[in-house]
Amino acid sequence: MSHPRITVAAVAETDGRFLLVEERIDRRLVINQPAGHVEPGETLLEAVVREAREETAWLFTARELIGVYLWRHPRSGRTTKRFASAGTVTDHRDGQPLDTGIVGTHWLTREELERREPQLRSPLVLRCVDDYLAGRRQPLAAVAALDLGSALGVAAVGL
């Protein structure tokens, strides 16, 4: 049995709108939170800040952990463990080239996101927003310093 892929996701909300990216995955445009894989030698906190900056040109400051989620892709069977953090964004770098595959960024309400549900990269996109809106939060310190090796052993929470 292979280990799940470890990913991070940034959930940033301003005035009822959530920061999302539109990206091209396998020739399909999908909507996702700023998110991605943790690189070797990187903590979860470092990874979520880096991914948000690379994908949106915003500086993300993580404040709390929304949850840790396990999801199995129905076609590939690949399992992902996602650490979703709530936080704020500042210091937008206009003109910064965005990560490969990112078509653009959007600020969408929960309702707008639900209307685009067929376009969501995974069910976790809406689930993280719903958990955020439900007030599900945990101290970020519990996972912020974890790296790839230690993140594999963390018990799932927020499910």
N, C-alpha and C. Protein backbone atom coordinates (compact mmCIF):
# COMPACT_ATOMS: atom_id res chain seq x y z
N MET A 1 0.85 -1.18 0.00
CA MET A 1 0.00 0.00 0.00
C MET A 1 0.89 1.24 0.00
N SER A 2 0.62 2.19 -0.87
CA SER A 2 1.42 3.40 -0.94
C SER A 2 0.88 4.45 0.02
N HIS A 3 1.77 5.35 0.42
CA HIS A 3 1.37 6.45 1.30
C HIS A 3 0.56 7.47 0.52
N PRO A 4 -0.32 8.19 1.21
CA PRO A 4 -1.06 9.26 0.52
C PRO A 4 -0.13 10.40 0.15
N ARG A 5 -0.51 11.14 -0.87
CA ARG A 5 0.22 12.35 -1.24
C ARG A 5 -0.16 13.43 -0.24
N ILE A 6 0.83 14.15 0.27
CA ILE A 6 0.60 15.19 1.27
C ILE A 6 0.46 16.53 0.55
N THR A 7 -0.68 17.20 0.78
CA THR A 7 -0.91 18.50 0.16
C THR A 7 -1.37 19.50 1.22
N VAL A 8 -1.27 20.76 0.87
CA VAL A 8 -1.74 21.86 1.71
C VAL A 8 -2.71 22.70 0.90
N ALA A 9 -3.62 23.39 1.59
CA ALA A 9 -4.56 24.28 0.91
C ALA A 9 -4.76 25.52 1.76
N ALA A 10 -4.82 26.67 1.09
CA ALA A 10 -5.03 27.96 1.75
C ALA A 10 -6.47 28.39 1.55
N VAL A 11 -7.18 28.62 2.65
CA VAL A 11 -8.55 29.11 2.59
C VAL A 11 -8.53 30.55 3.11
N ALA A 12 -8.68 31.48 2.18
CA ALA A 12 -8.68 32.91 2.51
C ALA A 12 -10.02 33.50 2.12
N GLU A 13 -10.67 34.17 3.08
CA GLU A 13 -11.99 34.75 2.85
C GLU A 13 -11.96 36.23 3.18
N THR A 14 -12.53 37.02 2.29
CA THR A 14 -12.67 38.46 2.51
C THR A 14 -14.08 38.86 2.08
N ASP A 15 -14.82 39.43 3.01
CA ASP A 15 -16.18 39.92 2.73
C ASP A 15 -17.06 38.86 2.07
N GLY A 16 -16.97 37.62 2.57
CA GLY A 16 -17.82 36.55 2.06
C GLY A 16 -17.36 35.92 0.76
N ARG A 17 -16.19 36.31 0.29
CA ARG A 17 -15.63 35.75 -0.95
C ARG A 17 -14.34 35.01 -0.64
N PHE A 18 -14.14 33.89 -1.32
CA PHE A 18 -12.98 33.04 -1.09
C PHE A 18 -12.02 33.12 -2.28
N LEU A 19 -10.73 33.17 -1.96
CA LEU A 19 -9.70 33.19 -2.97
C LEU A 19 -9.55 31.79 -3.56
N LEU A 20 -9.71 31.70 -4.88
CA LEU A 20 -9.61 30.42 -5.58
C LEU A 20 -8.76 30.59 -6.83
N VAL A 21 -8.23 29.48 -7.30
CA VAL A 21 -7.49 29.51 -8.55
C VAL A 21 -8.22 28.69 -9.59
N GLU A 22 -8.08 29.11 -10.82
CA GLU A 22 -8.57 28.33 -11.96
C GLU A 22 -7.32 27.79 -12.63
N GLU A 23 -7.24 26.48 -12.74
CA GLU A 23 -6.03 25.86 -13.28
C GLU A 23 -6.37 24.79 -14.30
N ARG A 24 -5.42 24.55 -15.18
CA ARG A 24 -5.59 23.53 -16.20
C ARG A 24 -4.92 22.25 -15.70
N ILE A 25 -5.74 21.21 -15.53
CA ILE A 25 -5.27 19.89 -15.10
C ILE A 25 -5.74 18.88 -16.13
N ASP A 26 -4.83 18.19 -16.76
CA ASP A 26 -5.19 17.19 -17.77
C ASP A 26 -6.14 17.76 -18.81
N ARG A 27 -5.80 18.90 -19.35
CA ARG A 27 -6.57 19.58 -20.41
C ARG A 27 -7.96 20.02 -19.99
N ARG A 28 -8.21 20.09 -18.68
CA ARG A 28 -9.51 20.51 -18.16
C ARG A 28 -9.29 21.69 -17.21
N LEU A 29 -10.15 22.70 -17.29
CA LEU A 29 -10.08 23.82 -16.36
C LEU A 29 -10.83 23.46 -15.08
N VAL A 30 -10.16 23.59 -13.95
CA VAL A 30 -10.76 23.27 -12.66
C VAL A 30 -10.56 24.42 -11.69
N ILE A 31 -11.39 24.44 -10.65
CA ILE A 31 -11.32 25.43 -9.58
C ILE A 31 -10.80 24.74 -8.33
N ASN A 32 -9.90 25.42 -7.63
CA ASN A 32 -9.31 24.86 -6.42
C ASN A 32 -8.90 26.00 -5.49
N GLN A 33 -8.71 25.70 -4.22
CA GLN A 33 -8.04 26.65 -3.36
C GLN A 33 -6.59 26.73 -3.82
N PRO A 34 -5.87 27.79 -3.48
CA PRO A 34 -4.43 27.74 -3.69
C PRO A 34 -3.91 26.54 -2.89
N ALA A 35 -3.30 25.60 -3.58
CA ALA A 35 -2.95 24.34 -2.94
C ALA A 35 -1.85 23.65 -3.70
N GLY A 36 -1.21 22.72 -3.04
CA GLY A 36 -0.19 21.94 -3.72
C GLY A 36 0.54 21.02 -2.78
N HIS A 37 1.57 20.41 -3.32
CA HIS A 37 2.34 19.40 -2.59
C HIS A 37 3.40 20.02 -1.70
N VAL A 38 3.67 19.35 -0.61
CA VAL A 38 4.74 19.74 0.29
C VAL A 38 6.03 19.22 -0.31
N GLU A 39 7.03 20.08 -0.40
CA GLU A 39 8.31 19.69 -0.97
C GLU A 39 9.22 19.14 0.11
N PRO A 40 10.18 18.27 -0.26
CA PRO A 40 11.12 17.72 0.73
C PRO A 40 11.83 18.85 1.49
N GLY A 41 11.92 18.69 2.81
CA GLY A 41 12.59 19.67 3.66
C GLY A 41 11.74 20.86 4.03
N GLU A 42 10.48 20.87 3.61
CA GLU A 42 9.58 21.99 3.83
C GLU A 42 8.54 21.62 4.89
N THR A 43 8.17 22.56 5.76
CA THR A 43 7.09 22.31 6.71
C THR A 43 5.75 22.58 6.02
N LEU A 44 4.68 22.13 6.66
CA LEU A 44 3.35 22.39 6.12
C LEU A 44 3.09 23.89 6.03
N LEU A 45 3.50 24.64 7.04
CA LEU A 45 3.29 26.08 7.02
C LEU A 45 4.07 26.74 5.88
N GLU A 46 5.32 26.36 5.71
CA GLU A 46 6.12 26.91 4.61
C GLU A 46 5.48 26.58 3.26
N ALA A 47 4.97 25.36 3.15
CA ALA A 47 4.39 24.92 1.88
C ALA A 47 3.13 25.71 1.53
N VAL A 48 2.24 25.95 2.48
CA VAL A 48 0.99 26.65 2.17
C VAL A 48 1.27 28.11 1.82
N VAL A 49 2.23 28.72 2.46
CA VAL A 49 2.61 30.10 2.14
C VAL A 49 3.20 30.15 0.73
N ARG A 50 4.09 29.23 0.42
CA ARG A 50 4.73 29.18 -0.90
C ARG A 50 3.71 28.94 -2.00
N GLU A 51 2.84 27.94 -1.80
CA GLU A 51 1.85 27.61 -2.83
C GLU A 51 0.92 28.78 -3.11
N ALA A 52 0.45 29.44 -2.06
CA ALA A 52 -0.45 30.59 -2.25
C ALA A 52 0.24 31.69 -3.03
N ARG A 53 1.49 31.98 -2.71
CA ARG A 53 2.22 33.04 -3.40
C ARG A 53 2.43 32.66 -4.87
N GLU A 54 2.86 31.43 -5.11
CA GLU A 54 3.14 30.99 -6.48
C GLU A 54 1.88 30.96 -7.35
N GLU A 55 0.75 30.59 -6.76
CA GLU A 55 -0.47 30.41 -7.54
C GLU A 55 -1.34 31.64 -7.64
N THR A 56 -1.18 32.61 -6.70
CA THR A 56 -2.09 33.76 -6.68
C THR A 56 -1.39 35.11 -6.64
N ALA A 57 -0.10 35.13 -6.34
CA ALA A 57 0.69 36.36 -6.13
C ALA A 57 0.32 37.05 -4.82
N TRP A 58 -0.47 36.43 -3.97
CA TRP A 58 -0.80 36.96 -2.65
C TRP A 58 0.09 36.31 -1.60
N LEU A 59 0.41 37.05 -0.54
CA LEU A 59 1.11 36.50 0.61
C LEU A 59 0.04 35.98 1.58
N PHE A 60 0.04 34.68 1.82
CA PHE A 60 -0.94 34.04 2.71
C PHE A 60 -0.33 33.91 4.10
N THR A 61 -1.08 34.34 5.10
CA THR A 61 -0.68 34.16 6.49
C THR A 61 -1.67 33.20 7.13
N ALA A 62 -1.21 31.99 7.40
CA ALA A 62 -2.07 30.97 8.01
C ALA A 62 -2.33 31.33 9.47
N ARG A 63 -3.57 31.19 9.90
CA ARG A 63 -3.97 31.52 11.27
C ARG A 63 -4.42 30.29 12.06
N GLU A 64 -5.16 29.39 11.38
CA GLU A 64 -5.72 28.22 12.05
C GLU A 64 -5.81 27.05 11.08
N LEU A 65 -5.89 25.87 11.63
CA LEU A 65 -6.10 24.66 10.84
C LEU A 65 -7.60 24.42 10.76
N ILE A 66 -8.11 24.28 9.54
CA ILE A 66 -9.52 23.93 9.36
C ILE A 66 -9.70 22.44 9.56
N GLY A 67 -8.83 21.66 8.94
CA GLY A 67 -8.92 20.21 9.09
C GLY A 67 -7.89 19.49 8.26
N VAL A 68 -7.83 18.20 8.49
CA VAL A 68 -6.97 17.28 7.73
C VAL A 68 -7.93 16.30 7.06
N TYR A 69 -7.81 16.17 5.74
CA TYR A 69 -8.79 15.41 4.95
C TYR A 69 -8.09 14.32 4.14
N LEU A 70 -8.72 13.19 4.06
CA LEU A 70 -8.27 12.12 3.16
C LEU A 70 -9.26 12.00 2.02
N TRP A 71 -8.75 11.94 0.81
CA TRP A 71 -9.62 11.80 -0.36
C TRP A 71 -8.96 10.86 -1.35
N ARG A 72 -9.76 9.96 -1.88
CA ARG A 72 -9.28 9.01 -2.90
C ARG A 72 -9.90 9.38 -4.22
N HIS A 73 -9.04 9.63 -5.21
CA HIS A 73 -9.51 9.98 -6.56
C HIS A 73 -10.24 8.77 -7.14
N PRO A 74 -11.48 8.96 -7.61
CA PRO A 74 -12.27 7.81 -8.06
C PRO A 74 -11.71 7.09 -9.28
N ARG A 75 -11.00 7.80 -10.16
CA ARG A 75 -10.47 7.14 -11.36
C ARG A 75 -9.07 6.57 -11.15
N SER A 76 -8.18 7.37 -10.56
CA SER A 76 -6.80 6.91 -10.41
C SER A 76 -6.59 6.06 -9.16
N GLY A 77 -7.48 6.22 -8.16
CA GLY A 77 -7.31 5.50 -6.91
C GLY A 77 -6.26 6.13 -6.01
N ARG A 78 -5.64 7.21 -6.45
CA ARG A 78 -4.60 7.89 -5.66
C ARG A 78 -5.23 8.58 -4.45
N THR A 79 -4.61 8.41 -3.29
CA THR A 79 -5.10 9.01 -2.07
C THR A 79 -4.30 10.26 -1.74
N THR A 80 -5.01 11.30 -1.34
CA THR A 80 -4.40 12.56 -0.95
C THR A 80 -4.77 12.88 0.49
N LYS A 81 -3.81 13.34 1.26
CA LYS A 81 -4.05 13.85 2.61
C LYS A 81 -3.84 15.35 2.53
N ARG A 82 -4.90 16.11 2.76
CA ARG A 82 -4.89 17.57 2.61
C ARG A 82 -4.98 18.24 3.98
N PHE A 83 -4.04 19.15 4.23
CA PHE A 83 -4.04 19.99 5.42
C PHE A 83 -4.54 21.36 4.99
N ALA A 84 -5.75 21.73 5.39
CA ALA A 84 -6.35 23.00 4.98
C ALA A 84 -6.22 24.01 6.11
N SER A 85 -5.65 25.17 5.77
CA SER A 85 -5.45 26.24 6.75
C SER A 85 -6.29 27.45 6.39
N ALA A 86 -6.84 28.09 7.42
CA ALA A 86 -7.54 29.36 7.25
C ALA A 86 -6.56 30.48 7.53
N GLY A 87 -6.67 31.55 6.76
CA GLY A 87 -5.78 32.67 6.98
C GLY A 87 -6.19 33.88 6.17
N THR A 88 -5.28 34.82 6.09
CA THR A 88 -5.52 36.07 5.39
C THR A 88 -4.46 36.27 4.31
N VAL A 89 -4.78 37.13 3.35
CA VAL A 89 -3.81 37.46 2.30
C VAL A 89 -3.55 38.96 2.29
N THR A 90 -2.30 39.31 2.00
CA THR A 90 -1.86 40.70 1.88
C THR A 90 -0.78 40.74 0.82
N ASP A 91 -0.25 41.92 0.58
CA ASP A 91 0.93 42.10 -0.25
C ASP A 91 0.80 41.43 -1.62
N HIS A 92 -0.25 41.80 -2.36
CA HIS A 92 -0.42 41.24 -3.71
C HIS A 92 0.66 41.80 -4.64
N ARG A 93 1.30 40.93 -5.38
CA ARG A 93 2.34 41.33 -6.33
C ARG A 93 1.77 41.37 -7.74
N ASP A 94 1.22 42.52 -8.10
CA ASP A 94 0.68 42.69 -9.46
C ASP A 94 1.76 42.37 -10.48
N GLY A 95 1.38 41.65 -11.50
CA GLY A 95 2.31 41.34 -12.57
C GLY A 95 3.19 40.13 -12.32
N GLN A 96 3.11 39.53 -11.13
CA GLN A 96 3.91 38.33 -10.86
C GLN A 96 3.40 37.19 -11.73
N PRO A 97 4.28 36.52 -12.45
CA PRO A 97 3.83 35.34 -13.20
C PRO A 97 3.32 34.27 -12.22
N LEU A 98 2.19 33.66 -12.57
CA LEU A 98 1.62 32.62 -11.72
C LEU A 98 2.17 31.26 -12.13
N ASP A 99 2.05 30.31 -11.23
CA ASP A 99 2.54 28.95 -11.45
C ASP A 99 2.04 28.36 -12.78
N THR A 100 2.80 27.46 -13.33
CA THR A 100 2.43 26.78 -14.56
C THR A 100 1.06 26.11 -14.38
N GLY A 101 0.18 26.32 -15.34
CA GLY A 101 -1.14 25.73 -15.31
C GLY A 101 -2.20 26.63 -14.72
N ILE A 102 -1.81 27.66 -13.96
CA ILE A 102 -2.79 28.58 -13.37
C ILE A 102 -3.25 29.55 -14.45
N VAL A 103 -4.56 29.57 -14.70
CA VAL A 103 -5.15 30.44 -15.71
C VAL A 103 -5.51 31.79 -15.10
N GLY A 104 -5.92 31.78 -13.82
CA GLY A 104 -6.28 33.02 -13.15
C GLY A 104 -6.75 32.76 -11.74
N THR A 105 -7.02 33.85 -11.03
CA THR A 105 -7.54 33.77 -9.67
C THR A 105 -8.93 34.39 -9.65
N HIS A 106 -9.73 33.94 -8.70
CA HIS A 106 -11.10 34.43 -8.56
C HIS A 106 -11.42 34.58 -7.08
N TRP A 107 -12.27 35.54 -6.76
CA TRP A 107 -12.86 35.68 -5.43
C TRP A 107 -14.32 35.31 -5.57
N LEU A 108 -14.71 34.14 -5.07
CA LEU A 108 -16.07 33.63 -5.24
C LEU A 108 -16.76 33.42 -3.91
N THR A 109 -18.07 33.66 -3.89
CA THR A 109 -18.86 33.34 -2.71
C THR A 109 -19.07 31.83 -2.65
N ARG A 110 -19.57 31.37 -1.54
CA ARG A 110 -19.86 29.94 -1.40
C ARG A 110 -20.91 29.52 -2.43
N GLU A 111 -21.90 30.38 -2.66
CA GLU A 111 -22.95 30.06 -3.62
C GLU A 111 -22.40 30.00 -5.05
N GLU A 112 -21.54 30.92 -5.40
CA GLU A 112 -20.92 30.89 -6.73
C GLU A 112 -20.06 29.64 -6.90
N LEU A 113 -19.39 29.26 -5.84
CA LEU A 113 -18.56 28.05 -5.87
C LEU A 113 -19.44 26.81 -6.05
N GLU A 114 -20.56 26.76 -5.35
CA GLU A 114 -21.47 25.63 -5.48
C GLU A 114 -22.02 25.52 -6.90
N ARG A 115 -22.33 26.65 -7.52
CA ARG A 115 -22.82 26.63 -8.90
C ARG A 115 -21.77 26.08 -9.87
N ARG A 116 -20.51 26.19 -9.49
CA ARG A 116 -19.42 25.69 -10.34
C ARG A 116 -18.93 24.31 -9.88
N GLU A 117 -19.73 23.63 -9.09
CA GLU A 117 -19.32 22.34 -8.51
C GLU A 117 -18.78 21.34 -9.54
N PRO A 118 -19.37 21.23 -10.73
CA PRO A 118 -18.79 20.28 -11.70
C PRO A 118 -17.35 20.63 -12.10
N GLN A 119 -16.97 21.88 -11.89
CA GLN A 119 -15.63 22.33 -12.27
C GLN A 119 -14.62 22.22 -11.12
N LEU A 120 -15.07 21.84 -9.91
CA LEU A 120 -14.16 21.76 -8.77
C LEU A 120 -13.16 20.63 -8.97
N ARG A 121 -11.92 20.88 -8.57
CA ARG A 121 -10.87 19.87 -8.73
C ARG A 121 -11.20 18.61 -7.95
N SER A 122 -11.76 18.78 -6.75
CA SER A 122 -12.19 17.64 -5.95
C SER A 122 -13.31 18.11 -5.01
N PRO A 123 -14.00 17.17 -4.38
CA PRO A 123 -15.04 17.56 -3.42
C PRO A 123 -14.46 18.30 -2.21
N LEU A 124 -13.15 18.20 -1.99
CA LEU A 124 -12.54 18.86 -0.85
C LEU A 124 -12.60 20.37 -0.95
N VAL A 125 -12.71 20.92 -2.15
CA VAL A 125 -12.75 22.38 -2.32
C VAL A 125 -13.96 22.95 -1.58
N LEU A 126 -15.13 22.43 -1.87
CA LEU A 126 -16.35 22.91 -1.22
C LEU A 126 -16.39 22.47 0.25
N ARG A 127 -15.90 21.30 0.54
CA ARG A 127 -15.88 20.80 1.93
C ARG A 127 -15.06 21.71 2.83
N CYS A 128 -13.91 22.17 2.36
CA CYS A 128 -13.08 23.07 3.17
C CYS A 128 -13.78 24.40 3.40
N VAL A 129 -14.46 24.92 2.40
CA VAL A 129 -15.21 26.17 2.56
C VAL A 129 -16.35 25.96 3.55
N ASP A 130 -17.07 24.86 3.42
CA ASP A 130 -18.19 24.59 4.33
C ASP A 130 -17.69 24.42 5.77
N ASP A 131 -16.59 23.72 5.96
CA ASP A 131 -16.04 23.56 7.30
C ASP A 131 -15.57 24.90 7.87
N TYR A 132 -14.98 25.73 7.02
CA TYR A 132 -14.57 27.07 7.43
C TYR A 132 -15.80 27.87 7.89
N LEU A 133 -16.85 27.87 7.07
CA LEU A 133 -18.06 28.63 7.39
C LEU A 133 -18.76 28.09 8.64
N ALA A 134 -18.59 26.80 8.91
CA ALA A 134 -19.18 26.19 10.11
C ALA A 134 -18.35 26.49 11.36
N GLY A 135 -17.23 27.18 11.19
CA GLY A 135 -16.39 27.55 12.33
C GLY A 135 -15.45 26.47 12.81
N ARG A 136 -15.24 25.46 11.99
CA ARG A 136 -14.32 24.39 12.39
C ARG A 136 -12.88 24.90 12.32
N ARG A 137 -12.25 25.02 13.48
CA ARG A 137 -10.88 25.53 13.54
C ARG A 137 -10.14 24.82 14.67
N GLN A 138 -8.85 24.65 14.45
CA GLN A 138 -7.97 24.09 15.46
C GLN A 138 -6.69 24.91 15.45
N PRO A 139 -5.95 24.87 16.54
CA PRO A 139 -4.70 25.62 16.56
C PRO A 139 -3.75 25.15 15.45
N LEU A 140 -3.21 26.08 14.74
CA LEU A 140 -2.28 25.77 13.66
C LEU A 140 -0.99 25.14 14.19
N ALA A 141 -0.61 25.48 15.40
CA ALA A 141 0.64 24.99 15.97
C ALA A 141 0.72 23.47 15.99
N ALA A 142 -0.42 22.80 16.02
CA ALA A 142 -0.42 21.33 16.08
C ALA A 142 0.21 20.69 14.85
N VAL A 143 0.17 21.39 13.70
CA VAL A 143 0.68 20.77 12.47
C VAL A 143 1.67 21.65 11.69
N ALA A 144 1.78 22.92 12.04
CA ALA A 144 2.54 23.87 11.22
C ALA A 144 3.99 23.44 10.98
N ALA A 145 4.62 22.81 11.95
CA ALA A 145 6.03 22.46 11.82
C ALA A 145 6.25 21.07 11.23
N LEU A 146 5.18 20.34 10.92
CA LEU A 146 5.33 19.01 10.36
C LEU A 146 5.95 19.09 8.97
N ASP A 147 6.78 18.09 8.66
CA ASP A 147 7.33 17.96 7.32
C ASP A 147 6.70 16.73 6.67
N LEU A 148 7.18 16.36 5.49
CA LEU A 148 6.57 15.23 4.77
C LEU A 148 6.52 13.95 5.59
N GLY A 149 7.62 13.61 6.22
CA GLY A 149 7.67 12.36 6.98
C GLY A 149 6.71 12.35 8.14
N SER A 150 6.71 13.40 8.93
CA SER A 150 5.83 13.43 10.09
C SER A 150 4.36 13.65 9.72
N ALA A 151 4.09 14.31 8.60
CA ALA A 151 2.71 14.53 8.18
C ALA A 151 2.02 13.24 7.81
N LEU A 152 2.75 12.25 7.38
CA LEU A 152 2.15 10.97 7.03
C LEU A 152 1.57 10.27 8.24
N GLY A 153 2.08 10.58 9.42
CA GLY A 153 1.63 9.90 10.64
C GLY A 153 0.56 10.61 11.42
N VAL A 154 0.14 11.78 11.01
CA VAL A 154 -0.88 12.55 11.75
C VAL A 154 -2.25 11.93 11.56
N ALA A 155 -2.97 11.77 12.65
CA ALA A 155 -4.32 11.23 12.57
C ALA A 155 -5.23 12.22 11.85
N ALA A 156 -6.16 11.71 11.07
CA ALA A 156 -7.08 12.57 10.33
C ALA A 156 -8.04 13.24 11.29
N VAL A 157 -8.22 14.55 11.12
CA VAL A 157 -9.18 15.32 11.89
C VAL A 157 -9.99 16.15 10.91
N GLY A 158 -11.11 16.64 11.34
CA GLY A 158 -11.92 17.50 10.49
C GLY A 158 -12.76 16.75 9.48
N LEU A 159 -12.84 15.43 9.60
CA LEU A 159 -13.63 14.66 8.63
C LEU A 159 -15.03 14.44 9.13
